Amino acid sequence: MEKQTFHIPNISCGHCTRTIENELKEMDGISSVESSVDDKTVTVHYQSPLTREKIVATLKDINYPAAE
């Protein structure tokens, strides 16, 4: 099990976090997603073969790109 926390500058409200959580939870290999409006972060627990790069690409696709 892998755990990654991403800083998402575009998070501004609860709708943003719900959108991110719903989209990521649809990905195979995601076991949990936790997000924070205050910290502008998303923490993802996932398993192989899912990769960090695939999660970053999905975040970008839904207009919530992770900061480098």
PDB file of N, CA and C in Angstrom:
ATOM      1  N   MET A   1       0.853  -1.181   0.000  1.00  0.00           N
ATOM      2  CA  MET A   1       0.000   0.000   0.000  1.00  0.00           C
ATOM      3  C   MET A   1       0.892   1.236   0.000  1.00  0.00           C
ATOM      4  N   GLU A   2       0.594   2.130  -0.906  1.00  0.00           N
ATOM      5  CA  GLU A   2       1.324   3.396  -1.008  1.00  0.00           C
ATOM      6  C   GLU A   2       0.450   4.522  -0.464  1.00  0.00           C
ATOM      7  N   LYS A   3       1.107   5.568   0.016  1.00  0.00           N
ATOM      8  CA  LYS A   3       0.398   6.760   0.487  1.00  0.00           C
ATOM      9  C   LYS A   3       1.111   7.977  -0.083  1.00  0.00           C
ATOM     10  N   GLN A   4       0.342   8.849  -0.727  1.00  0.00           N
ATOM     11  CA  GLN A   4       0.894  10.082  -1.289  1.00  0.00           C
ATOM     12  C   GLN A   4      -0.007  11.243  -0.897  1.00  0.00           C
ATOM     13  N   THR A   5       0.614  12.362  -0.558  1.00  0.00           N
ATOM     14  CA  THR A   5      -0.127  13.588  -0.302  1.00  0.00           C
ATOM     15  C   THR A   5       0.241  14.590  -1.383  1.00  0.00           C
ATOM     16  N   PHE A   6      -0.771  15.167  -1.993  1.00  0.00           N
ATOM     17  CA  PHE A   6      -0.585  16.119  -3.080  1.00  0.00           C
ATOM     18  C   PHE A   6      -1.081  17.489  -2.643  1.00  0.00           C
ATOM     19  N   HIS A   7      -0.323  18.529  -2.968  1.00  0.00           N
ATOM     20  CA  HIS A   7      -0.766  19.905  -2.731  1.00  0.00           C
ATOM     21  C   HIS A   7      -1.495  20.357  -3.995  1.00  0.00           C
ATOM     22  N   ILE A   8      -2.754  20.772  -3.829  1.00  0.00           N
ATOM     23  CA  ILE A   8      -3.600  21.165  -4.955  1.00  0.00           C
ATOM     24  C   ILE A   8      -3.994  22.636  -4.769  1.00  0.00           C
ATOM     25  N   PRO A   9      -3.260  23.564  -5.375  1.00  0.00           N
ATOM     26  CA  PRO A   9      -3.542  24.993  -5.175  1.00  0.00           C
ATOM     27  C   PRO A   9      -4.953  25.426  -5.569  1.00  0.00           C
ATOM     28  N   ASN A  10      -5.603  24.718  -6.485  1.00  0.00           N
ATOM     29  CA  ASN A  10      -6.933  25.111  -6.975  1.00  0.00           C
ATOM     30  C   ASN A  10      -8.069  24.764  -6.020  1.00  0.00           C
ATOM     31  N   ILE A  11      -7.797  24.053  -4.924  1.00  0.00           N
ATOM     32  CA  ILE A  11      -8.866  23.727  -3.974  1.00  0.00           C
ATOM     33  C   ILE A  11      -9.294  25.005  -3.261  1.00  0.00           C
ATOM     34  N   SER A  12     -10.604  25.289  -3.330  1.00  0.00           N
ATOM     35  CA  SER A  12     -11.102  26.493  -2.666  1.00  0.00           C
ATOM     36  C   SER A  12     -12.364  26.253  -1.835  1.00  0.00           C
ATOM     37  N   CYS A  13     -12.969  25.060  -1.981  1.00  0.00           N
ATOM     38  CA  CYS A  13     -14.228  24.818  -1.267  1.00  0.00           C
ATOM     39  C   CYS A  13     -14.501  23.314  -1.167  1.00  0.00           C
ATOM     40  N   GLY A  14     -15.566  23.002  -0.452  1.00  0.00           N
ATOM     41  CA  GLY A  14     -15.959  21.608  -0.295  1.00  0.00           C
ATOM     42  C   GLY A  14     -16.342  20.942  -1.605  1.00  0.00           C
ATOM     43  N   HIS A  15     -16.892  21.697  -2.531  1.00  0.00           N
ATOM     44  CA  HIS A  15     -17.232  21.133  -3.838  1.00  0.00           C
ATOM     45  C   HIS A  15     -15.971  20.644  -4.541  1.00  0.00           C
ATOM     46  N   CYS A  16     -14.902  21.413  -4.431  1.00  0.00           N
ATOM     47  CA  CYS A  16     -13.623  21.011  -5.045  1.00  0.00           C
ATOM     48  C   CYS A  16     -13.163  19.672  -4.482  1.00  0.00           C
ATOM     49  N   THR A  17     -13.180  19.551  -3.153  1.00  0.00           N
ATOM     50  CA  THR A  17     -12.691  18.313  -2.544  1.00  0.00           C
ATOM     51  C   THR A  17     -13.590  17.135  -2.890  1.00  0.00           C
ATOM     52  N   ARG A  18     -14.901  17.349  -2.941  1.00  0.00           N
ATOM     53  CA  ARG A  18     -15.814  16.252  -3.311  1.00  0.00           C
ATOM     54  C   ARG A  18     -15.568  15.800  -4.744  1.00  0.00           C
ATOM     55  N   THR A  19     -15.351  16.755  -5.641  1.00  0.00           N
ATOM     56  CA  THR A  19     -15.073  16.410  -7.037  1.00  0.00           C
ATOM     57  C   THR A  19     -13.805  15.570  -7.128  1.00  0.00           C
ATOM     58  N   ILE A  20     -12.756  16.011  -6.469  1.00  0.00           N
ATOM     59  CA  ILE A  20     -11.487  15.279  -6.494  1.00  0.00           C
ATOM     60  C   ILE A  20     -11.671  13.886  -5.908  1.00  0.00           C
ATOM     61  N   GLU A  21     -12.292  13.798  -4.741  1.00  0.00           N
ATOM     62  CA  GLU A  21     -12.490  12.499  -4.093  1.00  0.00           C
ATOM     63  C   GLU A  21     -13.302  11.559  -4.978  1.00  0.00           C
ATOM     64  N   ASN A  22     -14.389  12.048  -5.547  1.00  0.00           N
ATOM     65  CA  ASN A  22     -15.237  11.199  -6.392  1.00  0.00           C
ATOM     66  C   ASN A  22     -14.488  10.702  -7.620  1.00  0.00           C
ATOM     67  N   GLU A  23     -13.735  11.570  -8.266  1.00  0.00           N
ATOM     68  CA  GLU A  23     -12.986  11.169  -9.464  1.00  0.00           C
ATOM     69  C   GLU A  23     -11.891  10.158  -9.124  1.00  0.00           C
ATOM     70  N   LEU A  24     -11.140  10.419  -8.062  1.00  0.00           N
ATOM     71  CA  LEU A  24     -10.047   9.507  -7.717  1.00  0.00           C
ATOM     72  C   LEU A  24     -10.564   8.157  -7.237  1.00  0.00           C
ATOM     73  N   LYS A  25     -11.667   8.139  -6.511  1.00  0.00           N
ATOM     74  CA  LYS A  25     -12.217   6.878  -6.002  1.00  0.00           C
ATOM     75  C   LYS A  25     -12.673   5.953  -7.126  1.00  0.00           C
ATOM     76  N   GLU A  26     -12.890   6.493  -8.318  1.00  0.00           N
ATOM     77  CA  GLU A  26     -13.271   5.664  -9.462  1.00  0.00           C
ATOM     78  C   GLU A  26     -12.080   4.914 -10.054  1.00  0.00           C
ATOM     79  N   MET A  27     -10.872   5.296  -9.687  1.00  0.00           N
ATOM     80  CA  MET A  27      -9.674   4.660 -10.244  1.00  0.00           C
ATOM     81  C   MET A  27      -9.431   3.310  -9.573  1.00  0.00           C
ATOM     82  N   ASP A  28      -9.080   2.308 -10.372  1.00  0.00           N
ATOM     83  CA  ASP A  28      -8.730   1.002  -9.824  1.00  0.00           C
ATOM     84  C   ASP A  28      -7.453   1.128  -9.009  1.00  0.00           C
ATOM     85  N   GLY A  29      -7.476   0.589  -7.798  1.00  0.00           N
ATOM     86  CA  GLY A  29      -6.293   0.603  -6.950  1.00  0.00           C
ATOM     87  C   GLY A  29      -6.347   1.621  -5.829  1.00  0.00           C
ATOM     88  N   ILE A  30      -7.305   2.556  -5.883  1.00  0.00           N
ATOM     89  CA  ILE A  30      -7.449   3.559  -4.821  1.00  0.00           C
ATOM     90  C   ILE A  30      -8.227   2.925  -3.675  1.00  0.00           C
ATOM     91  N   SER A  31      -7.655   2.963  -2.468  1.00  0.00           N
ATOM     92  CA  SER A  31      -8.386   2.426  -1.324  1.00  0.00           C
ATOM     93  C   SER A  31      -9.022   3.523  -0.486  1.00  0.00           C
ATOM     94  N   SER A  32      -8.403   4.722  -0.450  1.00  0.00           N
ATOM     95  CA  SER A  32      -9.035   5.838   0.252  1.00  0.00           C
ATOM     96  C   SER A  32      -8.474   7.162  -0.244  1.00  0.00           C
ATOM     97  N   VAL A  33      -9.300   8.195  -0.104  1.00  0.00           N
ATOM     98  CA  VAL A  33      -8.914   9.554  -0.483  1.00  0.00           C
ATOM     99  C   VAL A  33      -9.398  10.480   0.627  1.00  0.00           C
ATOM    100  N   GLU A  34      -8.486  11.296   1.141  1.00  0.00           N
ATOM    101  CA  GLU A  34      -8.830  12.282   2.162  1.00  0.00           C
ATOM    102  C   GLU A  34      -8.362  13.636   1.656  1.00  0.00           C
ATOM    103  N   SER A  35      -9.197  14.652   1.818  1.00  0.00           N
ATOM    104  CA  SER A  35      -8.816  15.971   1.319  1.00  0.00           C
ATOM    105  C   SER A  35      -9.080  17.040   2.367  1.00  0.00           C
ATOM    106  N   SER A  36      -8.370  18.153   2.220  1.00  0.00           N
ATOM    107  CA  SER A  36      -8.504  19.267   3.149  1.00  0.00           C
ATOM    108  C   SER A  36      -8.581  20.576   2.376  1.00  0.00           C
ATOM    109  N   VAL A  37      -9.669  21.309   2.594  1.00  0.00           N
ATOM    110  CA  VAL A  37      -9.804  22.627   1.972  1.00  0.00           C
ATOM    111  C   VAL A  37      -8.781  23.575   2.585  1.00  0.00           C
ATOM    112  N   ASP A  38      -8.639  23.539   3.906  1.00  0.00           N
ATOM    113  CA  ASP A  38      -7.741  24.467   4.601  1.00  0.00           C
ATOM    114  C   ASP A  38      -6.289  24.299   4.179  1.00  0.00           C
ATOM    115  N   ASP A  39      -5.845  23.048   4.066  1.00  0.00           N
ATOM    116  CA  ASP A  39      -4.447  22.780   3.697  1.00  0.00           C
ATOM    117  C   ASP A  39      -4.233  22.701   2.190  1.00  0.00           C
ATOM    118  N   LYS A  40      -5.344  22.619   1.441  1.00  0.00           N
ATOM    119  CA  LYS A  40      -5.285  22.437  -0.015  1.00  0.00           C
ATOM    120  C   LYS A  40      -4.490  21.174  -0.371  1.00  0.00           C
ATOM    121  N   THR A  41      -4.812  20.088   0.336  1.00  0.00           N
ATOM    122  CA  THR A  41      -4.120  18.824   0.103  1.00  0.00           C
ATOM    123  C   THR A  41      -5.110  17.691  -0.133  1.00  0.00           C
ATOM    124  N   VAL A  42      -4.594  16.670  -0.805  1.00  0.00           N
ATOM    125  CA  VAL A  42      -5.320  15.424  -1.015  1.00  0.00           C
ATOM    126  C   VAL A  42      -4.349  14.295  -0.687  1.00  0.00           C
ATOM    127  N   THR A  43      -4.760  13.399   0.209  1.00  0.00           N
ATOM    128  CA  THR A  43      -3.948  12.243   0.563  1.00  0.00           C
ATOM    129  C   THR A  43      -4.627  11.005   0.004  1.00  0.00           C
ATOM    130  N   VAL A  44      -3.853  10.220  -0.729  1.00  0.00           N
ATOM    131  CA  VAL A  44      -4.383   9.053  -1.430  1.00  0.00           C
ATOM    132  C   VAL A  44      -3.650   7.801  -0.961  1.00  0.00           C
ATOM    133  N   HIS A  45      -4.408   6.767  -0.610  1.00  0.00           N
ATOM    134  CA  HIS A  45      -3.857   5.445  -0.323  1.00  0.00           C
ATOM    135  C   HIS A  45      -4.198   4.566  -1.522  1.00  0.00           C
ATOM    136  N   TYR A  46      -3.185   3.930  -2.091  1.00  0.00           N
ATOM    137  CA  TYR A  46      -3.412   3.154  -3.312  1.00  0.00           C
ATOM    138  C   TYR A  46      -2.462   1.966  -3.387  1.00  0.00           C
ATOM    139  N   GLN A  47      -2.774   1.071  -4.319  1.00  0.00           N
ATOM    140  CA  GLN A  47      -1.989  -0.144  -4.522  1.00  0.00           C
ATOM    141  C   GLN A  47      -1.561  -0.246  -5.972  1.00  0.00           C
ATOM    142  N   SER A  48      -0.482  -0.996  -6.192  1.00  0.00           N
ATOM    143  CA  SER A  48      -0.022  -1.288  -7.553  1.00  0.00           C
ATOM    144  C   SER A  48      -1.126  -2.046  -8.276  1.00  0.00           C
ATOM    145  N   PRO A  49      -1.216  -1.889  -9.563  1.00  0.00           N
ATOM    146  CA  PRO A  49      -0.278  -1.249 -10.476  1.00  0.00           C
ATOM    147  C   PRO A  49      -0.488   0.253 -10.630  1.00  0.00           C
ATOM    148  N   LEU A  50      -1.432   0.843  -9.882  1.00  0.00           N
ATOM    149  CA  LEU A  50      -1.636   2.287  -9.955  1.00  0.00           C
ATOM    150  C   LEU A  50      -0.356   2.996  -9.524  1.00  0.00           C
ATOM    151  N   THR A  51      -0.035   4.088 -10.202  1.00  0.00           N
ATOM    152  CA  THR A  51       1.187   4.828  -9.897  1.00  0.00           C
ATOM    153  C   THR A  51       0.867   6.276  -9.540  1.00  0.00           C
ATOM    154  N   ARG A  52       1.832   6.907  -8.908  1.00  0.00           N
ATOM    155  CA  ARG A  52       1.725   8.325  -8.573  1.00  0.00           C
ATOM    156  C   ARG A  52       1.486   9.143  -9.845  1.00  0.00           C
ATOM    157  N   GLU A  53       2.180   8.776 -10.911  1.00  0.00           N
ATOM    158  CA  GLU A  53       2.072   9.506 -12.169  1.00  0.00           C
ATOM    159  C   GLU A  53       0.651   9.455 -12.733  1.00  0.00           C
ATOM    160  N   LYS A  54      -0.006   8.299 -12.605  1.00  0.00           N
ATOM    161  CA  LYS A  54      -1.385   8.177 -13.095  1.00  0.00           C
ATOM    162  C   LYS A  54      -2.338   9.043 -12.270  1.00  0.00           C
ATOM    163  N   ILE A  55      -2.093   9.115 -10.972  1.00  0.00           N
ATOM    164  CA  ILE A  55      -2.925   9.961 -10.113  1.00  0.00           C
ATOM    165  C   ILE A  55      -2.724  11.429 -10.476  1.00  0.00           C
ATOM    166  N   VAL A  56      -1.468  11.838 -10.649  1.00  0.00           N
ATOM    167  CA  VAL A  56      -1.158  13.222 -11.037  1.00  0.00           C
ATOM    168  C   VAL A  56      -1.825  13.558 -12.369  1.00  0.00           C
ATOM    169  N   ALA A  57      -1.786  12.635 -13.318  1.00  0.00           N
ATOM    170  CA  ALA A  57      -2.407  12.865 -14.628  1.00  0.00           C
ATOM    171  C   ALA A  57      -3.920  13.027 -14.493  1.00  0.00           C
ATOM    172  N   THR A  58      -4.543  12.225 -13.648  1.00  0.00           N
ATOM    173  CA  THR A  58      -5.985  12.338 -13.438  1.00  0.00           C
ATOM    174  C   THR A  58      -6.334  13.674 -12.798  1.00  0.00           C
ATOM    175  N   LEU A  59      -5.559  14.090 -11.808  1.00  0.00           N
ATOM    176  CA  LEU A  59      -5.795  15.392 -11.177  1.00  0.00           C
ATOM    177  C   LEU A  59      -5.711  16.514 -12.210  1.00  0.00           C
ATOM    178  N   LYS A  60      -4.742  16.426 -13.086  1.00  0.00           N
ATOM    179  CA  LYS A  60      -4.596  17.438 -14.139  1.00  0.00           C
ATOM    180  C   LYS A  60      -5.797  17.398 -15.088  1.00  0.00           C
ATOM    181  N   ASP A  61      -6.234  16.194 -15.448  1.00  0.00           N
ATOM    182  CA  ASP A  61      -7.368  16.033 -16.367  1.00  0.00           C
ATOM    183  C   ASP A  61      -8.660  16.645 -15.820  1.00  0.00           C
ATOM    184  N   ILE A  62      -8.817  16.645 -14.493  1.00  0.00           N
ATOM    185  CA  ILE A  62     -10.048  17.189 -13.898  1.00  0.00           C
ATOM    186  C   ILE A  62      -9.855  18.640 -13.428  1.00  0.00           C
ATOM    187  N   ASN A  63      -8.775  19.259 -13.898  1.00  0.00           N
ATOM    188  CA  ASN A  63      -8.486  20.680 -13.629  1.00  0.00           C
ATOM    189  C   ASN A  63      -8.137  20.993 -12.181  1.00  0.00           C
ATOM    190  N   TYR A  64      -7.546  20.009 -11.503  1.00  0.00           N
ATOM    191  CA  TYR A  64      -6.999  20.221 -10.164  1.00  0.00           C
ATOM    192  C   TYR A  64      -5.562  19.703 -10.148  1.00  0.00           C
ATOM    193  N   PRO A  65      -4.676  20.351 -10.913  1.00  0.00           N
ATOM    194  CA  PRO A  65      -3.305  19.840 -11.005  1.00  0.00           C
ATOM    195  C   PRO A  65      -2.563  19.946  -9.674  1.00  0.00           C
ATOM    196  N   ALA A  66      -1.747  18.938  -9.410  1.00  0.00           N
ATOM    197  CA  ALA A  66      -0.908  18.939  -8.210  1.00  0.00           C
ATOM    198  C   ALA A  66       0.280  19.863  -8.428  1.00  0.00           C
ATOM    199  N   ALA A  67       0.648  20.583  -7.371  1.00  0.00           N
ATOM    200  CA  ALA A  67       1.832  21.443  -7.441  1.00  0.00           C
ATOM    201  C   ALA A  67       3.071  20.558  -7.455  1.00  0.00           C
ATOM    202  N   GLU A  68       4.079  21.002  -8.160  1.00  0.00           N
ATOM    203  CA  GLU A  68       5.337  20.242  -8.235  1.00  0.00           C
ATOM    204  C   GLU A  68       6.135  20.415  -6.974  1.00  0.00           C
TER     205      GLU A  68
END
